[in-house]
Amino acid sequence: MNKSEISGGTIHKIPDDLKKALTSTPSVQKIWETLTPLARNEWTCWNTLVKQPKTREDHIKRTINE
């Protein structure tokens, strides 16, 4: 898989900021790829539903760390 390619979820498209964070660290991208499409969808949704930019940034950081 190309570094810029990343699997999505079942419904939601991965936004560019989350995609960049996921693909910036190969170990994180590898873990992301082991998640089920439904789990990837839930993480994507959790990151995109927030309204404040700071909250979104925090959610993306937490996604990468967890």
PDB file of N, CA and C in Angstrom:
ATOM      1  N   MET A   1       0.842  -1.178   0.000  1.00  0.00           N
ATOM      2  CA  MET A   1       0.000   0.000   0.000  1.00  0.00           C
ATOM      3  C   MET A   1       0.886   1.239   0.000  1.00  0.00           C
ATOM      4  N   ASN A   2       0.577   2.150  -0.843  1.00  0.00           N
ATOM      5  CA  ASN A   2       1.277   3.420  -0.947  1.00  0.00           C
ATOM      6  C   ASN A   2       1.081   4.220   0.346  1.00  0.00           C
ATOM      7  N   LYS A   3       2.108   4.987   0.733  1.00  0.00           N
ATOM      8  CA  LYS A   3       2.029   5.763   1.967  1.00  0.00           C
ATOM      9  C   LYS A   3       0.815   6.692   1.995  1.00  0.00           C
ATOM     10  N   SER A   4       0.435   7.255   0.852  1.00  0.00           N
ATOM     11  CA  SER A   4      -0.687   8.187   0.826  1.00  0.00           C
ATOM     12  C   SER A   4      -2.036   7.484   0.733  1.00  0.00           C
ATOM     13  N   GLU A   5      -2.036   6.195   0.476  1.00  0.00           N
ATOM     14  CA  GLU A   5      -3.285   5.442   0.408  1.00  0.00           C
ATOM     15  C   GLU A   5      -3.637   4.939   1.799  1.00  0.00           C
ATOM     16  N   ILE A   6      -4.903   5.046   2.136  1.00  0.00           N
ATOM     17  CA  ILE A   6      -5.369   4.563   3.420  1.00  0.00           C
ATOM     18  C   ILE A   6      -6.814   4.110   3.270  1.00  0.00           C
ATOM     19  N   SER A   7      -7.140   3.013   3.907  1.00  0.00           N
ATOM     20  CA  SER A   7      -8.491   2.466   3.804  1.00  0.00           C
ATOM     21  C   SER A   7      -9.467   3.326   4.591  1.00  0.00           C
ATOM     22  N   GLY A   8     -10.643   3.470   4.023  1.00  0.00           N
ATOM     23  CA  GLY A   8     -11.692   4.239   4.672  1.00  0.00           C
ATOM     24  C   GLY A   8     -12.640   3.350   5.451  1.00  0.00           C
ATOM     25  N   GLY A   9     -13.700   3.949   5.875  1.00  0.00           N
ATOM     26  CA  GLY A   9     -14.720   3.224   6.619  1.00  0.00           C
ATOM     27  C   GLY A   9     -15.846   2.788   5.709  1.00  0.00           C
ATOM     28  N   THR A  10     -16.994   2.555   6.302  1.00  0.00           N
ATOM     29  CA  THR A  10     -18.134   2.076   5.536  1.00  0.00           C
ATOM     30  C   THR A  10     -18.946   3.211   4.911  1.00  0.00           C
ATOM     31  N   ILE A  11     -18.935   4.377   5.531  1.00  0.00           N
ATOM     32  CA  ILE A  11     -19.752   5.487   5.039  1.00  0.00           C
ATOM     33  C   ILE A  11     -18.945   6.773   4.879  1.00  0.00           C
ATOM     34  N   HIS A  12     -18.287   7.188   5.943  1.00  0.00           N
ATOM     35  CA  HIS A  12     -17.622   8.487   5.966  1.00  0.00           C
ATOM     36  C   HIS A  12     -16.297   8.471   5.221  1.00  0.00           C
ATOM     37  N   LYS A  13     -16.052   9.554   4.482  1.00  0.00           N
ATOM     38  CA  LYS A  13     -14.776   9.749   3.804  1.00  0.00           C
ATOM     39  C   LYS A  13     -13.788  10.302   4.824  1.00  0.00           C
ATOM     40  N   ILE A  14     -12.556   9.821   4.789  1.00  0.00           N
ATOM     41  CA  ILE A  14     -11.542  10.307   5.713  1.00  0.00           C
ATOM     42  C   ILE A  14     -11.144  11.728   5.295  1.00  0.00           C
ATOM     43  N   PRO A  15     -11.300  12.705   6.193  1.00  0.00           N
ATOM     44  CA  PRO A  15     -10.916  14.073   5.844  1.00  0.00           C
ATOM     45  C   PRO A  15      -9.393  14.190   5.718  1.00  0.00           C
ATOM     46  N   ASP A  16      -8.964  15.202   4.994  1.00  0.00           N
ATOM     47  CA  ASP A  16      -7.543  15.372   4.710  1.00  0.00           C
ATOM     48  C   ASP A  16      -6.684  15.489   5.961  1.00  0.00           C
ATOM     49  N   ASP A  17      -7.160  16.211   6.982  1.00  0.00           N
ATOM     50  CA  ASP A  17      -6.342  16.374   8.186  1.00  0.00           C
ATOM     51  C   ASP A  17      -6.144  15.051   8.925  1.00  0.00           C
ATOM     52  N   LEU A  18      -7.172  14.223   8.979  1.00  0.00           N
ATOM     53  CA  LEU A  18      -7.045  12.914   9.624  1.00  0.00           C
ATOM     54  C   LEU A  18      -6.174  11.993   8.778  1.00  0.00           C
ATOM     55  N   LYS A  19      -6.378  12.027   7.476  1.00  0.00           N
ATOM     56  CA  LYS A  19      -5.569  11.199   6.578  1.00  0.00           C
ATOM     57  C   LYS A  19      -4.093  11.535   6.716  1.00  0.00           C
ATOM     58  N   LYS A  20      -3.778  12.821   6.759  1.00  0.00           N
ATOM     59  CA  LYS A  20      -2.385  13.248   6.898  1.00  0.00           C
ATOM     60  C   LYS A  20      -1.791  12.730   8.203  1.00  0.00           C
ATOM     61  N   ALA A  21      -2.560  12.827   9.285  1.00  0.00           N
ATOM     62  CA  ALA A  21      -2.077  12.345  10.581  1.00  0.00           C
ATOM     63  C   ALA A  21      -1.864  10.830  10.571  1.00  0.00           C
ATOM     64  N   LEU A  22      -2.770  10.101   9.946  1.00  0.00           N
ATOM     65  CA  LEU A  22      -2.658   8.642   9.903  1.00  0.00           C
ATOM     66  C   LEU A  22      -1.496   8.173   9.039  1.00  0.00           C
ATOM     67  N   THR A  23      -1.247   8.857   7.952  1.00  0.00           N
ATOM     68  CA  THR A  23      -0.202   8.417   7.024  1.00  0.00           C
ATOM     69  C   THR A  23       1.177   8.962   7.384  1.00  0.00           C
ATOM     70  N   SER A  24       1.251   9.877   8.339  1.00  0.00           N
ATOM     71  CA  SER A  24       2.546  10.467   8.692  1.00  0.00           C
ATOM     72  C   SER A  24       3.422   9.514   9.508  1.00  0.00           C
ATOM     73  N   THR A  25       2.811   8.501  10.112  1.00  0.00           N
ATOM     74  CA  THR A  25       3.564   7.530  10.900  1.00  0.00           C
ATOM     75  C   THR A  25       3.207   6.129  10.417  1.00  0.00           C
ATOM     76  N   PRO A  26       4.169   5.438   9.799  1.00  0.00           N
ATOM     77  CA  PRO A  26       3.878   4.110   9.254  1.00  0.00           C
ATOM     78  C   PRO A  26       3.281   3.123  10.268  1.00  0.00           C
ATOM     79  N   SER A  27       3.728   3.168  11.511  1.00  0.00           N
ATOM     80  CA  SER A  27       3.194   2.229  12.510  1.00  0.00           C
ATOM     81  C   SER A  27       1.720   2.507  12.796  1.00  0.00           C
ATOM     82  N   VAL A  28       1.339   3.774  12.786  1.00  0.00           N
ATOM     83  CA  VAL A  28      -0.065   4.138  13.009  1.00  0.00           C
ATOM     84  C   VAL A  28      -0.904   3.705  11.807  1.00  0.00           C
ATOM     85  N   GLN A  29      -0.387   3.939  10.618  1.00  0.00           N
ATOM     86  CA  GLN A  29      -1.110   3.538   9.418  1.00  0.00           C
ATOM     87  C   GLN A  29      -1.301   2.022   9.392  1.00  0.00           C
ATOM     88  N   LYS A  30      -0.293   1.297   9.813  1.00  0.00           N
ATOM     89  CA  LYS A  30      -0.389  -0.169   9.824  1.00  0.00           C
ATOM     90  C   LYS A  30      -1.494  -0.631  10.779  1.00  0.00           C
ATOM     91  N   ILE A  31      -1.563  -0.013  11.949  1.00  0.00           N
ATOM     92  CA  ILE A  31      -2.613  -0.352  12.918  1.00  0.00           C
ATOM     93  C   ILE A  31      -3.986   0.018  12.356  1.00  0.00           C
ATOM     94  N   TRP A  32      -4.087   1.197  11.731  1.00  0.00           N
ATOM     95  CA  TRP A  32      -5.347   1.641  11.138  1.00  0.00           C
ATOM     96  C   TRP A  32      -5.868   0.597  10.154  1.00  0.00           C
ATOM     97  N   GLU A  33      -4.964   0.042   9.364  1.00  0.00           N
ATOM     98  CA  GLU A  33      -5.354  -0.938   8.348  1.00  0.00           C
ATOM     99  C   GLU A  33      -5.844  -2.251   8.958  1.00  0.00           C
ATOM    100  N   THR A  34      -5.517  -2.523  10.227  1.00  0.00           N
ATOM    101  CA  THR A  34      -5.997  -3.749  10.866  1.00  0.00           C
ATOM    102  C   THR A  34      -7.410  -3.601  11.416  1.00  0.00           C
ATOM    103  N   LEU A  35      -7.886  -2.346  11.516  1.00  0.00           N
ATOM    104  CA  LEU A  35      -9.241  -2.116  12.019  1.00  0.00           C
ATOM    105  C   LEU A  35     -10.272  -2.552  10.982  1.00  0.00           C
ATOM    106  N   THR A  36     -11.422  -2.934  11.455  1.00  0.00           N
ATOM    107  CA  THR A  36     -12.506  -3.270  10.530  1.00  0.00           C
ATOM    108  C   THR A  36     -13.018  -1.991   9.878  1.00  0.00           C
ATOM    109  N   PRO A  37     -13.647  -2.096   8.715  1.00  0.00           N
ATOM    110  CA  PRO A  37     -14.215  -0.894   8.087  1.00  0.00           C
ATOM    111  C   PRO A  37     -15.189  -0.157   9.017  1.00  0.00           C
ATOM    112  N   LEU A  38     -15.952  -0.896   9.799  1.00  0.00           N
ATOM    113  CA  LEU A  38     -16.887  -0.259  10.719  1.00  0.00           C
ATOM    114  C   LEU A  38     -16.145   0.517  11.808  1.00  0.00           C
ATOM    115  N   ALA A  39     -15.074  -0.040  12.328  1.00  0.00           N
ATOM    116  CA  ALA A  39     -14.281   0.655  13.351  1.00  0.00           C
ATOM    117  C   ALA A  39     -13.624   1.906  12.764  1.00  0.00           C
ATOM    118  N   ARG A  40     -13.084   1.796  11.546  1.00  0.00           N
ATOM    119  CA  ARG A  40     -12.498   2.969  10.889  1.00  0.00           C
ATOM    120  C   ARG A  40     -13.557   4.048  10.689  1.00  0.00           C
ATOM    121  N   ASN A  41     -14.756   3.632  10.337  1.00  0.00           N
ATOM    122  CA  ASN A  41     -15.860   4.566  10.149  1.00  0.00           C
ATOM    123  C   ASN A  41     -16.189   5.289  11.459  1.00  0.00           C
ATOM    124  N   GLU A  42     -16.207   4.556  12.562  1.00  0.00           N
ATOM    125  CA  GLU A  42     -16.519   5.158  13.858  1.00  0.00           C
ATOM    126  C   GLU A  42     -15.469   6.184  14.256  1.00  0.00           C
ATOM    127  N   TRP A  43     -14.191   5.868  14.054  1.00  0.00           N
ATOM    128  CA  TRP A  43     -13.130   6.826  14.369  1.00  0.00           C
ATOM    129  C   TRP A  43     -13.243   8.058  13.475  1.00  0.00           C
ATOM    130  N   THR A  44     -13.513   7.849  12.208  1.00  0.00           N
ATOM    131  CA  THR A  44     -13.647   8.971  11.278  1.00  0.00           C
ATOM    132  C   THR A  44     -14.811   9.864  11.685  1.00  0.00           C
ATOM    133  N   CYS A  45     -15.923   9.256  11.988  1.00  0.00           N
ATOM    134  CA  CYS A  45     -17.116   9.999  12.404  1.00  0.00           C
ATOM    135  C   CYS A  45     -16.830  10.786  13.680  1.00  0.00           C
ATOM    136  N   TRP A  46     -16.186  10.156  14.640  1.00  0.00           N
ATOM    137  CA  TRP A  46     -15.874  10.803  15.910  1.00  0.00           C
ATOM    138  C   TRP A  46     -15.001  12.038  15.689  1.00  0.00           C
ATOM    139  N   ASN A  47     -14.122  11.982  14.700  1.00  0.00           N
ATOM    140  CA  ASN A  47     -13.247  13.113  14.403  1.00  0.00           C
ATOM    141  C   ASN A  47     -13.960  14.225  13.643  1.00  0.00           C
ATOM    142  N   THR A  48     -14.938  13.896  12.850  1.00  0.00           N
ATOM    143  CA  THR A  48     -15.567  14.903  11.996  1.00  0.00           C
ATOM    144  C   THR A  48     -16.816  15.550  12.595  1.00  0.00           C
ATOM    145  N   LEU A  49     -17.371  14.988  13.629  1.00  0.00           N
ATOM    146  CA  LEU A  49     -18.598  15.543  14.207  1.00  0.00           C
ATOM    147  C   LEU A  49     -18.373  16.741  15.119  1.00  0.00           C
ATOM    148  N   VAL A  50     -17.149  16.975  15.530  1.00  0.00           N
ATOM    149  CA  VAL A  50     -16.873  18.096  16.434  1.00  0.00           C
ATOM    150  C   VAL A  50     -16.930  19.420  15.671  1.00  0.00           C
ATOM    151  N   LYS A  51     -17.263  20.487  16.380  1.00  0.00           N
ATOM    152  CA  LYS A  51     -17.451  21.785  15.728  1.00  0.00           C
ATOM    153  C   LYS A  51     -16.247  22.707  15.859  1.00  0.00           C
ATOM    154  N   GLN A  52     -15.567  22.638  16.965  1.00  0.00           N
ATOM    155  CA  GLN A  52     -14.449  23.542  17.216  1.00  0.00           C
ATOM    156  C   GLN A  52     -13.154  22.977  16.643  1.00  0.00           C
ATOM    157  N   PRO A  53     -12.364  23.801  15.949  1.00  0.00           N
ATOM    158  CA  PRO A  53     -11.089  23.335  15.388  1.00  0.00           C
ATOM    159  C   PRO A  53     -10.146  22.739  16.440  1.00  0.00           C
ATOM    160  N   LYS A  54     -10.094  23.345  17.622  1.00  0.00           N
ATOM    161  CA  LYS A  54      -9.215  22.832  18.687  1.00  0.00           C
ATOM    162  C   LYS A  54      -9.676  21.452  19.133  1.00  0.00           C
ATOM    163  N   THR A  55     -10.971  21.259  19.261  1.00  0.00           N
ATOM    164  CA  THR A  55     -11.507  19.959  19.654  1.00  0.00           C
ATOM    165  C   THR A  55     -11.192  18.922  18.595  1.00  0.00           C
ATOM    166  N   ARG A  56     -11.323  19.301  17.341  1.00  0.00           N
ATOM    167  CA  ARG A  56     -11.008  18.381  16.248  1.00  0.00           C
ATOM    168  C   ARG A  56      -9.533  17.995  16.284  1.00  0.00           C
ATOM    169  N   GLU A  57      -8.685  18.966  16.507  1.00  0.00           N
ATOM    170  CA  GLU A  57      -7.249  18.694  16.617  1.00  0.00           C
ATOM    171  C   GLU A  57      -6.980  17.711  17.762  1.00  0.00           C
ATOM    172  N   ASP A  58      -7.648  17.924  18.889  1.00  0.00           N
ATOM    173  CA  ASP A  58      -7.493  17.019  20.032  1.00  0.00           C
ATOM    174  C   ASP A  58      -7.984  15.611  19.707  1.00  0.00           C
ATOM    175  N   HIS A  59      -9.086  15.518  18.988  1.00  0.00           N
ATOM    176  CA  HIS A  59      -9.615  14.208  18.611  1.00  0.00           C
ATOM    177  C   HIS A  59      -8.646  13.476  17.677  1.00  0.00           C
ATOM    178  N   ILE A  60      -8.070  14.203  16.748  1.00  0.00           N
ATOM    179  CA  ILE A  60      -7.119  13.575  15.822  1.00  0.00           C
ATOM    180  C   ILE A  60      -5.893  13.075  16.583  1.00  0.00           C
ATOM    181  N   LYS A  61      -5.390  13.880  17.514  1.00  0.00           N
ATOM    182  CA  LYS A  61      -4.253  13.447  18.323  1.00  0.00           C
ATOM    183  C   LYS A  61      -4.598  12.197  19.116  1.00  0.00           C
ATOM    184  N   ARG A  62      -5.789  12.167  19.679  1.00  0.00           N
ATOM    185  CA  ARG A  62      -6.203  10.995  20.464  1.00  0.00           C
ATOM    186  C   ARG A  62      -6.348   9.775  19.564  1.00  0.00           C
ATOM    187  N   THR A  63      -6.852   9.966  18.364  1.00  0.00           N
ATOM    188  CA  THR A  63      -6.972   8.859  17.410  1.00  0.00           C
ATOM    189  C   THR A  63      -5.600   8.257  17.139  1.00  0.00           C
ATOM    190  N   ILE A  64      -4.614   9.088  16.900  1.00  0.00           N
ATOM    191  CA  ILE A  64      -3.262   8.627  16.607  1.00  0.00           C
ATOM    192  C   ILE A  64      -2.663   7.922  17.816  1.00  0.00           C
ATOM    193  N   ASN A  65      -2.891   8.452  18.996  1.00  0.00           N
ATOM    194  CA  ASN A  65      -2.315   7.864  20.213  1.00  0.00           C
ATOM    195  C   ASN A  65      -2.973   6.563  20.628  1.00  0.00           C
ATOM    196  N   GLU A  66      -4.246   6.427  20.335  1.00  0.00           N
ATOM    197  CA  GLU A  66      -4.949   5.220  20.764  1.00  0.00           C
ATOM    198  C   GLU A  66      -4.944   4.171  19.688  1.00  0.00           C
TER     199      GLU A  66
END
